[in-house]
PDB file of all heavy atoms in Angstrom:
ATOM      1  N   GLU A   1      -9.816 102.601 -52.739  1.00  0.00           N
ATOM      2  CA  GLU A   1     -10.813 101.573 -52.394  1.00  0.00           C
ATOM      3  C   GLU A   1     -12.009 101.708 -53.405  1.00  0.00           C
ATOM      4  O   GLU A   1     -12.581 100.723 -53.803  1.00  0.00           O
ATOM      5  CB  GLU A   1     -11.307 101.774 -50.926  1.00  0.00           C
ATOM      6  CG  GLU A   1     -12.270 100.809 -50.454  1.00  0.00           C
ATOM      7  CD  GLU A   1     -11.690  99.367 -50.430  1.00  0.00           C
ATOM      8  OE1 GLU A   1     -10.421  99.336 -50.224  1.00  0.00           O
ATOM      9  OE2 GLU A   1     -12.385  98.361 -50.645  1.00  0.00           O
ATOM     10  N   VAL A   2     -12.442 102.931 -53.663  1.00  0.00           N
ATOM     11  CA  VAL A   2     -13.572 103.120 -54.568  1.00  0.00           C
ATOM     12  C   VAL A   2     -13.210 102.593 -55.961  1.00  0.00           C
ATOM     13  O   VAL A   2     -14.045 101.891 -56.631  1.00  0.00           O
ATOM     14  CB  VAL A   2     -13.919 104.708 -54.685  1.00  0.00           C
ATOM     15  CG1 VAL A   2     -14.941 104.834 -55.834  1.00  0.00           C
ATOM     16  CG2 VAL A   2     -14.522 105.149 -53.344  1.00  0.00           C
ATOM     17  N   GLY A   3     -11.955 102.881 -56.523  1.00  0.00           N
ATOM     18  CA  GLY A   3     -11.573 102.342 -57.791  1.00  0.00           C
ATOM     19  C   GLY A   3     -11.571 100.834 -57.731  1.00  0.00           C
ATOM     20  O   GLY A   3     -12.017 100.167 -58.729  1.00  0.00           O
ATOM     21  N   ARG A   4     -11.070 100.187 -56.694  1.00  0.00           N
ATOM     22  CA  ARG A   4     -11.087  98.752 -56.714  1.00  0.00           C
ATOM     23  C   ARG A   4     -12.435  98.170 -56.631  1.00  0.00           C
ATOM     24  O   ARG A   4     -12.736  97.134 -57.267  1.00  0.00           O
ATOM     25  CB  ARG A   4     -10.294  98.323 -55.440  1.00  0.00           C
ATOM     26  CG  ARG A   4      -8.779  98.456 -55.508  1.00  0.00           C
ATOM     27  CD  ARG A   4      -8.044  98.236 -54.288  1.00  0.00           C
ATOM     28  NE  ARG A   4      -8.339  97.023 -53.561  1.00  0.00           N
ATOM     29  CZ  ARG A   4      -7.720  95.913 -53.812  1.00  0.00           C
ATOM     30  NH1 ARG A   4      -6.847  95.778 -54.722  1.00  0.00           N
ATOM     31  NH2 ARG A   4      -8.067  94.787 -53.076  1.00  0.00           N
ATOM     32  N   LEU A   5     -13.333  98.857 -55.972  1.00  0.00           N
ATOM     33  CA  LEU A   5     -14.798  98.380 -55.862  1.00  0.00           C
ATOM     34  C   LEU A   5     -15.372  98.475 -57.292  1.00  0.00           C
ATOM     35  O   LEU A   5     -16.257  97.681 -57.703  1.00  0.00           O
ATOM     36  CB  LEU A   5     -15.592  99.241 -54.855  1.00  0.00           C
ATOM     37  CG  LEU A   5     -15.301  98.835 -53.420  1.00  0.00           C
ATOM     38  CD1 LEU A   5     -15.992  99.951 -52.564  1.00  0.00           C
ATOM     39  CD2 LEU A   5     -15.726  97.479 -53.085  1.00  0.00           C
ATOM     40  N   GLN A   6     -15.120  99.597 -57.959  1.00  0.00           N
ATOM     41  CA  GLN A   6     -15.663  99.895 -59.307  1.00  0.00           C
ATOM     42  C   GLN A   6     -15.222  98.724 -60.304  1.00  0.00           C
ATOM     43  O   GLN A   6     -15.979  98.361 -61.218  1.00  0.00           O
ATOM     44  CB  GLN A   6     -15.317 101.154 -59.813  1.00  0.00           C
ATOM     45  CG  GLN A   6     -16.111 102.287 -59.157  1.00  0.00           C
ATOM     46  CD  GLN A   6     -15.509 103.633 -59.375  1.00  0.00           C
ATOM     47  OE1 GLN A   6     -14.279 103.865 -59.609  1.00  0.00           O
ATOM     48  NE2 GLN A   6     -16.324 104.715 -59.332  1.00  0.00           N
ATOM     49  N   LEU A   7     -14.076  98.175 -60.018  1.00  0.00           N
ATOM     50  CA  LEU A   7     -13.620  97.024 -60.888  1.00  0.00           C
ATOM     51  C   LEU A   7     -14.400  95.747 -60.514  1.00  0.00           C
ATOM     52  O   LEU A   7     -14.349  94.842 -61.385  1.00  0.00           O
ATOM     53  CB  LEU A   7     -12.107  96.807 -60.708  1.00  0.00           C
ATOM     54  CG  LEU A   7     -11.257  97.959 -61.174  1.00  0.00           C
ATOM     55  CD1 LEU A   7      -9.781  97.678 -60.869  1.00  0.00           C
ATOM     56  CD2 LEU A   7     -11.446  98.184 -62.752  1.00  0.00           C
ATOM     57  N   GLU A   8     -15.037  95.640 -59.446  1.00  0.00           N
ATOM     58  CA  GLU A   8     -15.708  94.492 -59.039  1.00  0.00           C
ATOM     59  C   GLU A   8     -17.119  94.499 -59.497  1.00  0.00           C
ATOM     60  O   GLU A   8     -17.901  93.410 -59.382  1.00  0.00           O
ATOM     61  CB  GLU A   8     -15.710  94.311 -57.442  1.00  0.00           C
ATOM     62  CG  GLU A   8     -14.330  94.125 -56.752  1.00  0.00           C
ATOM     63  CD  GLU A   8     -13.796  92.756 -57.254  1.00  0.00           C
ATOM     64  OE1 GLU A   8     -14.479  91.807 -57.602  1.00  0.00           O
ATOM     65  OE2 GLU A   8     -12.490  92.717 -57.228  1.00  0.00           O
ATOM     66  N   LEU A   9     -17.612  95.628 -60.034  1.00  0.00           N
ATOM     67  CA  LEU A   9     -18.953  95.683 -60.535  1.00  0.00           C
ATOM     68  C   LEU A   9     -19.177  94.756 -61.761  1.00  0.00           C
ATOM     69  O   LEU A   9     -18.216  94.431 -62.400  1.00  0.00           O
ATOM     70  CB  LEU A   9     -19.393  97.123 -60.856  1.00  0.00           C
ATOM     71  CG  LEU A   9     -19.457  98.145 -59.741  1.00  0.00           C
ATOM     72  CD1 LEU A   9     -19.587  99.575 -60.258  1.00  0.00           C
ATOM     73  CD2 LEU A   9     -20.626  97.800 -58.825  1.00  0.00           C
ATOM     74  N   ASP A  10     -20.362  94.497 -62.052  1.00  0.00           N
ATOM     75  CA  ASP A  10     -20.691  93.651 -63.243  1.00  0.00           C
ATOM     76  C   ASP A  10     -21.607  94.471 -64.187  1.00  0.00           C
ATOM     77  O   ASP A  10     -22.800  94.609 -63.854  1.00  0.00           O
ATOM     78  CB  ASP A  10     -21.386  92.365 -62.740  1.00  0.00           C
ATOM     79  CG  ASP A  10     -21.655  91.367 -63.895  1.00  0.00           C
ATOM     80  OD1 ASP A  10     -20.896  91.465 -64.995  1.00  0.00           O
ATOM     81  OD2 ASP A  10     -22.363  90.413 -63.749  1.00  0.00           O
ATOM     82  N   PRO A  11     -21.151  94.951 -65.175  1.00  0.00           N
ATOM     83  CA  PRO A  11     -19.767  94.933 -65.704  1.00  0.00           C
ATOM     84  C   PRO A  11     -18.790  95.910 -64.978  1.00  0.00           C
ATOM     85  O   PRO A  11     -19.352  96.837 -64.391  1.00  0.00           O
ATOM     86  CB  PRO A  11     -19.802  95.257 -67.210  1.00  0.00           C
ATOM     87  CG  PRO A  11     -20.988  96.226 -67.225  1.00  0.00           C
ATOM     88  CD  PRO A  11     -22.020  95.698 -66.193  1.00  0.00           C
ATOM     89  N   PRO A  12     -17.499  95.746 -65.048  1.00  0.00           N
ATOM     90  CA  PRO A  12     -16.573  96.674 -64.330  1.00  0.00           C
ATOM     91  C   PRO A  12     -16.631  98.048 -64.865  1.00  0.00           C
ATOM     92  O   PRO A  12     -16.829  98.179 -66.063  1.00  0.00           O
ATOM     93  CB  PRO A  12     -15.247  96.028 -64.655  1.00  0.00           C
ATOM     94  CG  PRO A  12     -15.434  94.534 -64.974  1.00  0.00           C
ATOM     95  CD  PRO A  12     -16.783  94.563 -65.672  1.00  0.00           C
ATOM     96  N   ALA A  13     -16.670  98.932 -63.960  1.00  0.00           N
ATOM     97  CA  ALA A  13     -16.567 100.482 -64.437  1.00  0.00           C
ATOM     98  C   ALA A  13     -15.150 100.851 -64.605  1.00  0.00           C
ATOM     99  O   ALA A  13     -14.568 101.505 -63.779  1.00  0.00           O
ATOM    100  CB  ALA A  13     -17.274 101.354 -63.404  1.00  0.00           C
ATOM    101  N   ILE A  14     -14.661 100.431 -65.743  1.00  0.00           N
ATOM    102  CA  ILE A  14     -13.109 100.535 -65.903  1.00  0.00           C
ATOM    103  C   ILE A  14     -12.676 101.982 -66.029  1.00  0.00           C
ATOM    104  O   ILE A  14     -11.638 102.383 -65.384  1.00  0.00           O
ATOM    105  CB  ILE A  14     -12.711  99.806 -67.193  1.00  0.00           C
ATOM    106  CG1 ILE A  14     -13.009  98.266 -67.049  1.00  0.00           C
ATOM    107  CG2 ILE A  14     -11.207  99.975 -67.454  1.00  0.00           C
ATOM    108  CD1 ILE A  14     -12.710  97.472 -68.252  1.00  0.00           C
ATOM    109  N   ASP A  15     -13.434 102.858 -66.711  1.00  0.00           N
ATOM    110  CA  ASP A  15     -12.966 104.265 -66.915  1.00  0.00           C
ATOM    111  C   ASP A  15     -13.032 104.884 -65.576  1.00  0.00           C
ATOM    112  O   ASP A  15     -12.114 105.729 -65.219  1.00  0.00           O
ATOM    113  CB  ASP A  15     -13.796 104.930 -67.990  1.00  0.00           C
ATOM    114  CG  ASP A  15     -13.474 104.416 -69.380  1.00  0.00           C
ATOM    115  OD1 ASP A  15     -12.350 103.851 -69.542  1.00  0.00           O
ATOM    116  OD2 ASP A  15     -14.369 104.599 -70.264  1.00  0.00           O
ATOM    117  N   GLU A  16     -14.139 104.781 -64.875  1.00  0.00           N
ATOM    118  CA  GLU A  16     -14.316 105.471 -63.601  1.00  0.00           C
ATOM    119  C   GLU A  16     -13.195 104.997 -62.571  1.00  0.00           C
ATOM    120  O   GLU A  16     -12.609 105.779 -61.740  1.00  0.00           O
ATOM    121  CB  GLU A  16     -15.708 105.225 -62.995  1.00  0.00           C
ATOM    122  CG  GLU A  16     -16.823 105.848 -63.722  1.00  0.00           C
ATOM    123  CD  GLU A  16     -17.422 104.986 -64.857  1.00  0.00           C
ATOM    124  OE1 GLU A  16     -16.561 104.053 -65.311  1.00  0.00           O
ATOM    125  OE2 GLU A  16     -18.492 105.119 -65.339  1.00  0.00           O
ATOM    126  N   ALA A  17     -12.911 103.711 -62.598  1.00  0.00           N
ATOM    127  CA  ALA A  17     -11.980 103.066 -61.613  1.00  0.00           C
ATOM    128  C   ALA A  17     -10.529 103.688 -62.015  1.00  0.00           C
ATOM    129  O   ALA A  17      -9.751 104.042 -61.160  1.00  0.00           O
ATOM    130  CB  ALA A  17     -11.969 101.599 -61.801  1.00  0.00           C
ATOM    131  N   ARG A  18     -10.158 103.672 -63.343  1.00  0.00           N
ATOM    132  CA  ARG A  18      -8.914 104.282 -63.695  1.00  0.00           C
ATOM    133  C   ARG A  18      -8.781 105.682 -63.195  1.00  0.00           C
ATOM    134  O   ARG A  18      -7.721 106.056 -62.717  1.00  0.00           O
ATOM    135  CB  ARG A  18      -8.794 104.216 -65.285  1.00  0.00           C
ATOM    136  CG  ARG A  18      -7.491 104.811 -65.660  1.00  0.00           C
ATOM    137  CD  ARG A  18      -7.334 104.959 -67.262  1.00  0.00           C
ATOM    138  NE  ARG A  18      -7.076 103.719 -67.840  1.00  0.00           N
ATOM    139  CZ  ARG A  18      -7.985 103.018 -68.646  1.00  0.00           C
ATOM    140  NH1 ARG A  18      -9.129 103.598 -68.800  1.00  0.00           N
ATOM    141  NH2 ARG A  18      -7.725 101.823 -69.147  1.00  0.00           N
ATOM    142  N   HIS A  19      -9.889 106.513 -63.372  1.00  0.00           N
ATOM    143  CA  HIS A  19      -9.790 107.856 -62.897  1.00  0.00           C
ATOM    144  C   HIS A  19      -9.511 107.987 -61.409  1.00  0.00           C
ATOM    145  O   HIS A  19      -8.604 108.757 -60.971  1.00  0.00           O
ATOM    146  CB  HIS A  19     -11.144 108.518 -63.189  1.00  0.00           C
ATOM    147  CG  HIS A  19     -11.275 109.935 -62.605  1.00  0.00           C
ATOM    148  ND1 HIS A  19     -10.644 111.126 -63.147  1.00  0.00           N
ATOM    149  CD2 HIS A  19     -12.023 110.375 -61.528  1.00  0.00           C
ATOM    150  CE1 HIS A  19     -10.826 112.114 -62.355  1.00  0.00           C
ATOM    151  NE2 HIS A  19     -11.622 111.744 -61.404  1.00  0.00           N
ATOM    152  N   ASN A  20     -10.228 107.252 -60.634  1.00  0.00           N
ATOM    153  CA  ASN A  20     -10.087 107.264 -59.107  1.00  0.00           C
ATOM    154  C   ASN A  20      -8.642 106.690 -58.781  1.00  0.00           C
ATOM    155  O   ASN A  20      -7.921 107.292 -57.919  1.00  0.00           O
ATOM    156  CB  ASN A  20     -11.073 106.434 -58.475  1.00  0.00           C
ATOM    157  CG  ASN A  20     -12.364 107.287 -58.184  1.00  0.00           C
ATOM    158  OD1 ASN A  20     -12.373 108.369 -57.789  1.00  0.00           O
ATOM    159  ND2 ASN A  20     -13.463 106.682 -58.598  1.00  0.00           N
ATOM    160  N   LEU A  21      -8.170 105.679 -59.441  1.00  0.00           N
ATOM    161  CA  LEU A  21      -6.874 105.101 -59.021  1.00  0.00           C
ATOM    162  C   LEU A  21      -5.724 106.000 -59.463  1.00  0.00           C
ATOM    163  O   LEU A  21      -4.760 106.114 -58.701  1.00  0.00           O
ATOM    164  CB  LEU A  21      -6.760 103.753 -59.645  1.00  0.00           C
ATOM    165  CG  LEU A  21      -7.648 102.660 -59.056  1.00  0.00           C
ATOM    166  CD1 LEU A  21      -7.780 101.461 -59.993  1.00  0.00           C
ATOM    167  CD2 LEU A  21      -7.115 102.216 -57.718  1.00  0.00           C
ATOM    168  N   GLU A  22      -5.843 106.717 -60.620  1.00  0.00           N
ATOM    169  CA  GLU A  22      -4.826 107.578 -61.093  1.00  0.00           C
ATOM    170  C   GLU A  22      -4.752 108.806 -60.177  1.00  0.00           C
ATOM    171  O   GLU A  22      -3.660 109.301 -59.818  1.00  0.00           O
ATOM    172  CB  GLU A  22      -5.090 107.928 -62.561  1.00  0.00           C
ATOM    173  CG  GLU A  22      -4.684 106.781 -63.546  1.00  0.00           C
ATOM    174  CD  GLU A  22      -5.002 107.229 -65.023  1.00  0.00           C
ATOM    175  OE1 GLU A  22      -5.762 108.258 -65.123  1.00  0.00           O
ATOM    176  OE2 GLU A  22      -4.569 106.466 -65.902  1.00  0.00           O
ATOM    177  N   GLN A  23      -5.892 109.273 -59.802  1.00  0.00           N
ATOM    178  CA  GLN A  23      -5.980 110.457 -58.865  1.00  0.00           C
ATOM    179  C   GLN A  23      -5.464 110.039 -57.501  1.00  0.00           C
ATOM    180  O   GLN A  23      -4.645 110.865 -56.930  1.00  0.00           O
ATOM    181  CB  GLN A  23      -7.382 110.929 -58.739  1.00  0.00           C
ATOM    182  CG  GLN A  23      -7.414 112.295 -58.020  1.00  0.00           C
ATOM    183  CD  GLN A  23      -8.872 112.950 -58.244  1.00  0.00           C
ATOM    184  OE1 GLN A  23      -9.754 112.504 -58.892  1.00  0.00           O
ATOM    185  NE2 GLN A  23      -9.031 114.048 -57.482  1.00  0.00           N
ATOM    186  N   ALA A  24      -5.740 108.876 -57.033  1.00  0.00           N
ATOM    187  CA  ALA A  24      -5.134 108.334 -55.801  1.00  0.00           C
ATOM    188  C   ALA A  24      -3.654 108.259 -55.861  1.00  0.00           C
ATOM    189  O   ALA A  24      -2.914 108.699 -54.924  1.00  0.00           O
ATOM    190  CB  ALA A  24      -5.694 106.993 -55.412  1.00  0.00           C
ATOM    191  N   ALA A  25      -3.114 107.753 -56.983  1.00  0.00           N
ATOM    192  CA  ALA A  25      -1.638 107.585 -57.089  1.00  0.00           C
ATOM    193  C   ALA A  25      -0.984 108.953 -57.079  1.00  0.00           C
ATOM    194  O   ALA A  25       0.072 109.195 -56.506  1.00  0.00           O
ATOM    195  CB  ALA A  25      -1.355 106.832 -58.400  1.00  0.00           C
ATOM    196  N   ALA A  26      -1.619 109.932 -57.735  1.00  0.00           N
ATOM    197  CA  ALA A  26      -1.086 111.280 -57.812  1.00  0.00           C
ATOM    198  C   ALA A  26      -1.036 111.909 -56.342  1.00  0.00           C
ATOM    199  O   ALA A  26      -0.096 112.532 -55.943  1.00  0.00           O
ATOM    200  CB  ALA A  26      -1.815 112.143 -58.799  1.00  0.00           C
ATOM    201  N   GLU A  27      -2.208 111.783 -55.672  1.00  0.00           N
ATOM    202  CA  GLU A  27      -2.352 112.289 -54.305  1.00  0.00           C
ATOM    203  C   GLU A  27      -1.320 111.672 -53.394  1.00  0.00           C
ATOM    204  O   GLU A  27      -0.833 112.311 -52.434  1.00  0.00           O
ATOM    205  CB  GLU A  27      -3.727 112.172 -53.770  1.00  0.00           C
ATOM    206  CG  GLU A  27      -4.802 113.102 -54.564  1.00  0.00           C
ATOM    207  CD  GLU A  27      -6.135 112.746 -54.183  1.00  0.00           C
ATOM    208  OE1 GLU A  27      -6.415 111.764 -53.547  1.00  0.00           O
ATOM    209  OE2 GLU A  27      -7.052 113.582 -54.549  1.00  0.00           O
TER     210      GLU A  27
END
């Protein structure tokens, strides 16, 4: 959810979102 929200920011926080989403996928 945090990663998806970070992608909605203007501008999107792509690197932070990728980190959260990749960690979520691993967990």
